[in-house]
Amino acid sequence: MDVTKFVQVCLNGLTLGSLYALIALGYTLVYGVLRFINFAHSDVVTIGAWMAFVFAAAIGWAGTDSPLFAMPVILAMSMAVCATLGFTIERLAYRPLRRAPRLNVLITAIGVSLFLQNSGQLKWVFGTQPQAMPKLLSEEALFTLAGVRVPVVDVVVVVLAFTLLVALQWLVFRTRMGQAMRAVSFDERTAALMGINVDMIISYTFMIGSALAAAGGMIYGLKYGNLLQSADSVWVLLGLKAFVAAVVGGIGNVRGAVAGAFLIAFVEMFGAAYRSPQMRDVYVFGILIAVLILKPGGLLGKATVEKV
């Protein structure tokens, strides 16, 4: 067995899983509270990546000589913009339809997604030309493991992802805000009768999910370097895989979204490395089909029973 190749694949799976987890959490948070899929979420990821590019270029942090604090500053700015975008989307597009049939909300989500994709292609927004993500982190290897160079960017990506995931876990399960979010998720009407501001909680949920999406978009840019136009199918596929991760882990379950993200990332990476690179997407959606057949509620989710 080639140990070097194995370690390299594990490193790739860990980095990709961190990316999927951040994006998947946005899906699972919104679904957990409102019970619908925000299909515009992947486009918020795209905007997060592009805003990081815009801010870095505007400030002048586009070279390897950028200061050490450049990356966290750009990250915070991108997350703030996307959190504001998430609040705006919820307030203008979804809140008026909260009592409408689910099909209406689904169609609206698709419409918002198409609006964001095509707006991003305008000349005065991001344009149609791919761009190279500014090198906010050193490309040098931090250390070597079993003959594999572990670059600074990979370590930062994984540490950043786990830090944000732990922070979200603490927010949801250890704070009054998280308690309110879980109450609204369980029964919106009863939560309102208990004095919880449901509108505010839902808005905060969208803002948190969108901020995590921005972090995922920036991680994508830092790891893979190239930013494609906002309507490119690569972004759509990235969002779909993150959605698959949420479903596989048990959509609505925070821990499940993380577990599903790392599962499909490692299967994708190992399948591409040891079987067929052309089939990597097949492996991901194959896991989805298998989980839906064997455990429809997801790996950590619970099947719900409705009385009729």
Protein backbone atom coordinates (compact mmCIF):
# COMPACT_ATOMS: atom_id res chain seq x y z
CA MET A 1 0.00 0.00 0.00
CA ASP A 2 1.29 3.46 -0.94
CA VAL A 3 1.29 5.27 2.43
CA THR A 4 2.06 8.65 0.87
CA LYS A 5 -0.92 8.44 -1.46
CA PHE A 6 -3.18 7.30 1.39
CA VAL A 7 -2.16 10.23 3.61
CA GLN A 8 -2.62 12.68 0.72
CA VAL A 9 -6.14 11.38 0.05
CA CYS A 10 -6.99 11.63 3.77
CA LEU A 11 -5.76 15.23 3.82
CA ASN A 12 -7.83 16.07 0.74
CA GLY A 13 -10.89 14.42 2.28
CA LEU A 14 -10.46 16.34 5.53
CA THR A 15 -10.20 19.68 3.72
CA LEU A 16 -13.11 18.97 1.37
CA GLY A 17 -15.23 17.66 4.25
CA SER A 18 -14.62 20.90 6.17
CA LEU A 19 -15.87 22.85 3.15
CA TYR A 20 -18.97 20.68 2.72
CA ALA A 21 -19.75 20.89 6.44
CA LEU A 22 -19.83 24.68 6.52
CA ILE A 23 -22.18 24.83 3.55
CA ALA A 24 -24.34 21.91 4.72
CA LEU A 25 -24.96 23.58 8.08
CA GLY A 26 -26.71 26.46 6.32
CA TYR A 27 -29.13 24.03 4.69
CA THR A 28 -29.76 22.12 7.89
CA LEU A 29 -30.26 25.23 10.06
CA VAL A 30 -32.94 26.69 7.79
CA TYR A 31 -34.65 23.34 7.33
CA GLY A 32 -34.56 22.67 11.05
CA VAL A 33 -36.42 25.91 11.79
CA LEU A 34 -38.70 26.38 8.76
CA ARG A 35 -38.91 22.88 7.24
CA PHE A 36 -38.02 23.97 3.72
CA ILE A 37 -34.90 23.83 1.56
CA ASN A 38 -33.30 27.17 0.75
CA PHE A 39 -32.05 26.44 -2.78
CA ALA A 40 -30.49 29.90 -2.97
CA HIS A 41 -27.97 28.87 -0.30
CA SER A 42 -25.34 27.70 -2.80
CA ASP A 43 -25.51 31.11 -4.49
CA VAL A 44 -24.77 32.79 -1.16
CA VAL A 45 -21.66 30.58 -1.04
CA THR A 46 -20.68 31.95 -4.46
CA ILE A 47 -21.23 35.53 -3.35
CA GLY A 48 -19.15 34.90 -0.21
CA ALA A 49 -16.22 33.72 -2.33
CA TRP A 50 -16.51 36.65 -4.73
CA MET A 51 -16.87 39.21 -1.94
CA ALA A 52 -13.63 37.91 -0.43
CA PHE A 53 -11.99 38.50 -3.81
CA VAL A 54 -13.48 42.00 -4.13
CA PHE A 55 -12.47 43.09 -0.63
CA ALA A 56 -8.93 41.70 -0.94
CA ALA A 57 -8.42 43.39 -4.32
CA ALA A 58 -9.89 46.70 -3.12
CA ILE A 59 -7.71 46.84 -0.02
CA GLY A 60 -4.64 45.71 -1.92
CA TRP A 61 -4.13 42.37 -0.17
CA ALA A 62 -3.77 40.42 -3.39
CA GLY A 63 -0.16 39.29 -3.09
CA THR A 64 1.89 37.00 -0.92
CA ASP A 65 3.08 40.03 1.06
CA SER A 66 -0.35 40.60 2.60
CA PRO A 67 -0.30 40.91 6.42
CA LEU A 68 -1.11 37.96 8.68
CA PHE A 69 -4.41 39.54 9.75
CA ALA A 70 -5.59 39.92 6.14
CA MET A 71 -7.36 36.56 5.98
CA PRO A 72 -9.46 36.93 9.18
CA VAL A 73 -10.36 40.53 8.28
CA ILE A 74 -11.51 39.55 4.77
CA LEU A 75 -13.37 36.57 6.22
CA ALA A 76 -15.23 38.75 8.72
CA MET A 77 -16.17 41.26 6.01
CA SER A 78 -17.45 38.55 3.65
CA MET A 79 -19.44 36.87 6.42
CA ALA A 80 -21.00 40.22 7.37
CA VAL A 81 -22.08 40.92 3.78
CA CYS A 82 -23.58 37.45 3.34
CA ALA A 83 -25.31 37.59 6.73
CA THR A 84 -26.95 40.83 5.58
CA LEU A 85 -27.86 39.18 2.29
CA GLY A 86 -29.39 36.22 4.14
CA PHE A 87 -31.46 38.58 6.28
CA THR A 88 -32.66 40.45 3.17
CA ILE A 89 -33.61 37.27 1.33
CA GLU A 90 -35.60 35.98 4.30
CA ARG A 91 -37.31 39.31 4.88
CA LEU A 92 -38.27 40.07 1.28
CA ALA A 93 -38.69 36.65 -0.34
CA TYR A 94 -39.58 34.06 2.30
CA ARG A 95 -41.33 35.82 5.18
CA PRO A 96 -44.35 36.91 3.07
CA LEU A 97 -44.81 33.26 2.04
CA ARG A 98 -44.48 31.70 5.48
CA ARG A 99 -48.12 30.62 5.53
CA ALA A 100 -48.23 29.83 1.81
CA PRO A 101 -48.11 26.29 0.36
CA ARG A 102 -44.63 24.72 0.33
CA LEU A 103 -44.63 24.65 -3.47
CA ASN A 104 -44.84 28.45 -3.57
CA VAL A 105 -41.83 28.74 -1.27
CA LEU A 106 -39.89 26.20 -3.33
CA ILE A 107 -40.53 28.11 -6.56
CA THR A 108 -39.52 31.35 -4.85
CA ALA A 109 -36.26 29.78 -3.62
CA ILE A 110 -35.42 28.70 -7.16
CA GLY A 111 -36.27 32.21 -8.40
CA VAL A 112 -34.00 33.82 -5.79
CA SER A 113 -31.22 31.41 -6.80
CA LEU A 114 -31.51 32.35 -10.48
CA PHE A 115 -31.67 36.05 -9.58
CA LEU A 116 -28.43 35.85 -7.58
CA GLN A 117 -26.67 33.80 -10.27
CA ASN A 118 -27.51 36.17 -13.09
CA SER A 119 -27.04 39.35 -11.06
CA GLY A 120 -23.50 38.24 -10.30
CA GLN A 121 -22.72 38.15 -14.02
CA LEU A 122 -23.41 41.86 -14.49
CA LYS A 123 -20.36 43.94 -15.38
CA TRP A 124 -20.71 46.21 -12.39
CA VAL A 125 -21.06 43.25 -9.98
CA PHE A 126 -18.62 40.35 -10.53
CA GLY A 127 -18.68 39.94 -14.32
CA THR A 128 -18.42 36.82 -16.44
CA GLN A 129 -14.67 36.26 -16.37
CA PRO A 130 -13.06 33.80 -13.93
CA GLN A 131 -10.62 35.32 -11.46
CA ALA A 132 -7.76 34.04 -9.36
CA MET A 133 -8.36 34.20 -5.63
CA PRO A 134 -5.81 36.49 -3.92
CA LYS A 135 -3.17 34.55 -2.02
CA LEU A 136 -4.05 35.60 1.50
CA LEU A 137 -2.10 32.66 2.92
CA SER A 138 1.39 31.35 2.32
CA GLU A 139 1.72 28.45 -0.11
CA GLU A 140 4.66 27.02 1.81
CA ALA A 141 4.38 23.67 3.57
CA LEU A 142 3.79 23.92 7.31
CA PHE A 143 5.12 20.41 7.88
CA THR A 144 5.55 17.07 6.10
CA LEU A 145 3.63 13.93 7.04
CA ALA A 146 4.62 10.55 5.57
CA GLY A 147 6.18 12.31 2.60
CA VAL A 148 3.15 14.57 2.04
CA ARG A 149 3.63 18.34 2.16
CA VAL A 150 0.89 19.88 4.28
CA PRO A 151 0.51 23.50 3.15
CA VAL A 152 -0.50 26.34 5.42
CA VAL A 153 -3.77 26.83 3.53
CA ASP A 154 -4.93 23.27 4.27
CA VAL A 155 -4.22 23.62 7.99
CA VAL A 156 -5.95 27.00 8.17
CA VAL A 157 -8.98 25.69 6.25
CA VAL A 158 -9.44 22.75 8.61
CA VAL A 159 -8.81 24.78 11.78
CA LEU A 160 -11.15 27.55 10.61
CA ALA A 161 -13.90 25.08 9.75
CA PHE A 162 -13.67 23.25 13.07
CA THR A 163 -13.58 26.54 14.99
CA LEU A 164 -16.77 27.74 13.30
CA LEU A 165 -18.43 24.35 13.76
CA VAL A 166 -17.63 24.31 17.48
CA ALA A 167 -18.89 27.90 17.80
CA LEU A 168 -22.15 26.94 16.10
CA GLN A 169 -22.51 23.88 18.31
CA TRP A 170 -22.07 26.10 21.38
CA LEU A 171 -24.56 28.65 20.03
CA VAL A 172 -27.28 26.09 19.30
CA PHE A 173 -26.98 23.99 22.46
CA ARG A 174 -25.53 26.33 25.11
CA THR A 175 -27.17 29.74 24.63
CA ARG A 176 -30.62 31.26 25.01
CA MET A 177 -30.60 32.08 21.31
CA GLY A 178 -29.97 28.43 20.48
CA GLN A 179 -32.67 27.36 22.90
CA ALA A 180 -35.10 29.70 21.14
CA MET A 181 -34.04 28.35 17.74
CA ARG A 182 -34.72 24.80 18.89
CA ALA A 183 -38.07 25.84 20.35
CA VAL A 184 -39.16 27.44 17.08
CA SER A 185 -37.99 24.34 15.23
CA PHE A 186 -40.10 22.12 17.48
CA ASP A 187 -43.31 24.17 17.39
CA GLU A 188 -43.38 27.69 15.98
CA ARG A 189 -46.83 28.57 17.30
CA THR A 190 -46.16 27.39 20.86
CA ALA A 191 -42.80 29.18 20.85
CA ALA A 192 -44.57 32.43 19.94
CA LEU A 193 -47.08 31.91 22.80
CA MET A 194 -44.14 31.48 25.17
CA GLY A 195 -42.87 34.96 24.28
CA ILE A 196 -40.23 34.06 21.68
CA ASN A 197 -39.89 36.54 18.82
CA VAL A 198 -40.25 34.00 16.00
CA ASP A 199 -39.51 36.48 13.20
CA MET A 200 -36.28 37.55 14.86
CA ILE A 201 -35.16 33.94 15.46
CA ILE A 202 -35.81 32.97 11.85
CA SER A 203 -33.92 36.03 10.60
CA TYR A 204 -30.97 35.18 12.85
CA THR A 205 -31.03 31.61 11.54
CA PHE A 206 -30.76 32.84 7.96
CA MET A 207 -27.98 35.23 8.92
CA ILE A 208 -25.96 32.53 10.68
CA GLY A 209 -26.41 30.06 7.82
CA SER A 210 -25.45 32.70 5.25
CA ALA A 211 -22.36 33.70 7.25
CA LEU A 212 -21.24 30.06 7.31
CA ALA A 213 -21.87 29.90 3.56
CA ALA A 214 -19.56 32.89 3.10
CA ALA A 215 -16.87 31.10 5.10
CA GLY A 216 -17.35 28.05 2.89
CA GLY A 217 -17.04 30.16 -0.24
CA MET A 218 -13.85 31.81 0.97
CA ILE A 219 -12.41 28.41 1.94
CA TYR A 220 -13.16 27.17 -1.57
CA GLY A 221 -11.32 30.13 -3.06
CA LEU A 222 -8.31 29.76 -0.78
CA LYS A 223 -8.04 26.02 -1.38
CA TYR A 224 -8.69 25.79 -5.11
CA GLY A 225 -7.54 29.23 -6.27
CA ASN A 226 -9.92 29.94 -9.16
CA LEU A 227 -13.26 31.72 -8.89
CA LEU A 228 -15.61 30.89 -11.74
CA GLN A 229 -18.50 33.11 -12.80
CA SER A 230 -21.48 33.11 -10.47
CA ALA A 231 -23.70 31.04 -12.81
CA ASP A 232 -21.12 28.32 -13.44
CA SER A 233 -22.29 24.75 -12.85
CA VAL A 234 -19.37 24.12 -10.49
CA TRP A 235 -21.05 26.28 -7.84
CA VAL A 236 -24.35 24.48 -8.34
CA LEU A 237 -22.68 21.10 -7.94
CA LEU A 238 -20.86 22.29 -4.83
CA GLY A 239 -24.17 23.33 -3.29
CA LEU A 240 -25.83 20.07 -4.28
CA LYS A 241 -23.09 18.01 -2.64
CA ALA A 242 -23.39 20.04 0.55
CA PHE A 243 -27.15 19.45 0.44
CA VAL A 244 -26.50 15.73 -0.01
CA ALA A 245 -24.26 15.87 3.07
CA ALA A 246 -27.08 17.44 5.09
CA VAL A 247 -29.58 14.80 3.92
CA VAL A 248 -27.18 11.89 4.47
CA GLY A 249 -26.41 13.04 8.00
CA GLY A 250 -30.04 13.79 8.80
CA ILE A 251 -31.24 17.17 7.62
CA GLY A 252 -32.18 19.40 10.53
CA ASN A 253 -29.48 17.78 12.70
CA VAL A 254 -26.34 19.92 13.21
CA ARG A 255 -24.08 17.01 14.12
CA GLY A 256 -25.55 14.96 11.30
CA ALA A 257 -24.67 17.62 8.72
CA VAL A 258 -21.03 17.51 9.82
CA ALA A 259 -20.95 13.70 9.84
CA GLY A 260 -22.55 13.53 6.39
CA ALA A 261 -20.11 16.11 5.01
CA PHE A 262 -17.02 14.18 6.05
CA LEU A 263 -18.53 10.87 4.95
CA ILE A 264 -19.24 11.95 1.39
CA ALA A 265 -15.95 13.88 1.17
CA PHE A 266 -13.86 10.84 2.11
CA VAL A 267 -15.87 8.52 -0.13
CA GLU A 268 -15.50 10.98 -3.01
CA MET A 269 -11.75 11.38 -2.51
CA PHE A 270 -10.98 7.70 -1.99
CA GLY A 271 -13.23 6.68 -4.87
CA ALA A 272 -11.51 9.16 -7.18
CA ALA A 273 -8.02 8.11 -6.04
CA TYR A 274 -8.41 4.34 -6.00
CA ARG A 275 -11.21 3.67 -8.48
CA SER A 276 -12.23 6.22 -11.12
CA PRO A 277 -11.87 10.03 -10.96
CA GLN A 278 -14.66 10.39 -13.52
CA MET A 279 -17.07 8.63 -11.15
CA ARG A 280 -16.49 10.84 -8.10
CA ASP A 281 -19.90 12.50 -8.38
CA VAL A 282 -21.55 9.11 -8.84
CA TYR A 283 -20.10 7.96 -5.52
CA VAL A 284 -21.60 10.95 -3.72
CA PHE A 285 -25.10 10.59 -5.12
CA GLY A 286 -24.87 6.81 -4.77
CA ILE A 287 -24.45 7.30 -1.01
CA LEU A 288 -27.51 9.55 -1.02
CA ILE A 289 -29.64 6.90 -2.72
CA ALA A 290 -28.39 4.17 -0.38
CA VAL A 291 -29.12 6.23 2.74
CA LEU A 292 -32.59 7.21 1.54
CA ILE A 293 -33.40 3.55 0.93
CA LEU A 294 -31.89 2.11 4.12
CA LYS A 295 -32.38 4.98 6.58
CA PRO A 296 -34.64 7.70 5.15
CA GLY A 297 -34.17 9.95 8.16
CA GLY A 298 -30.42 10.12 7.64
CA LEU A 299 -27.57 8.67 9.67
CA LEU A 300 -28.24 10.80 12.78
CA GLY A 301 -31.76 11.92 11.95
CA LYS A 302 -35.00 10.56 13.29
CA ALA A 303 -37.92 9.40 11.21
CA THR A 304 -41.02 11.48 11.89
CA VAL A 305 -44.51 10.05 12.07
CA GLU A 306 -47.47 12.21 11.17
CA LYS A 307 -51.03 11.46 12.19
CA VAL A 308 -53.59 11.73 9.46
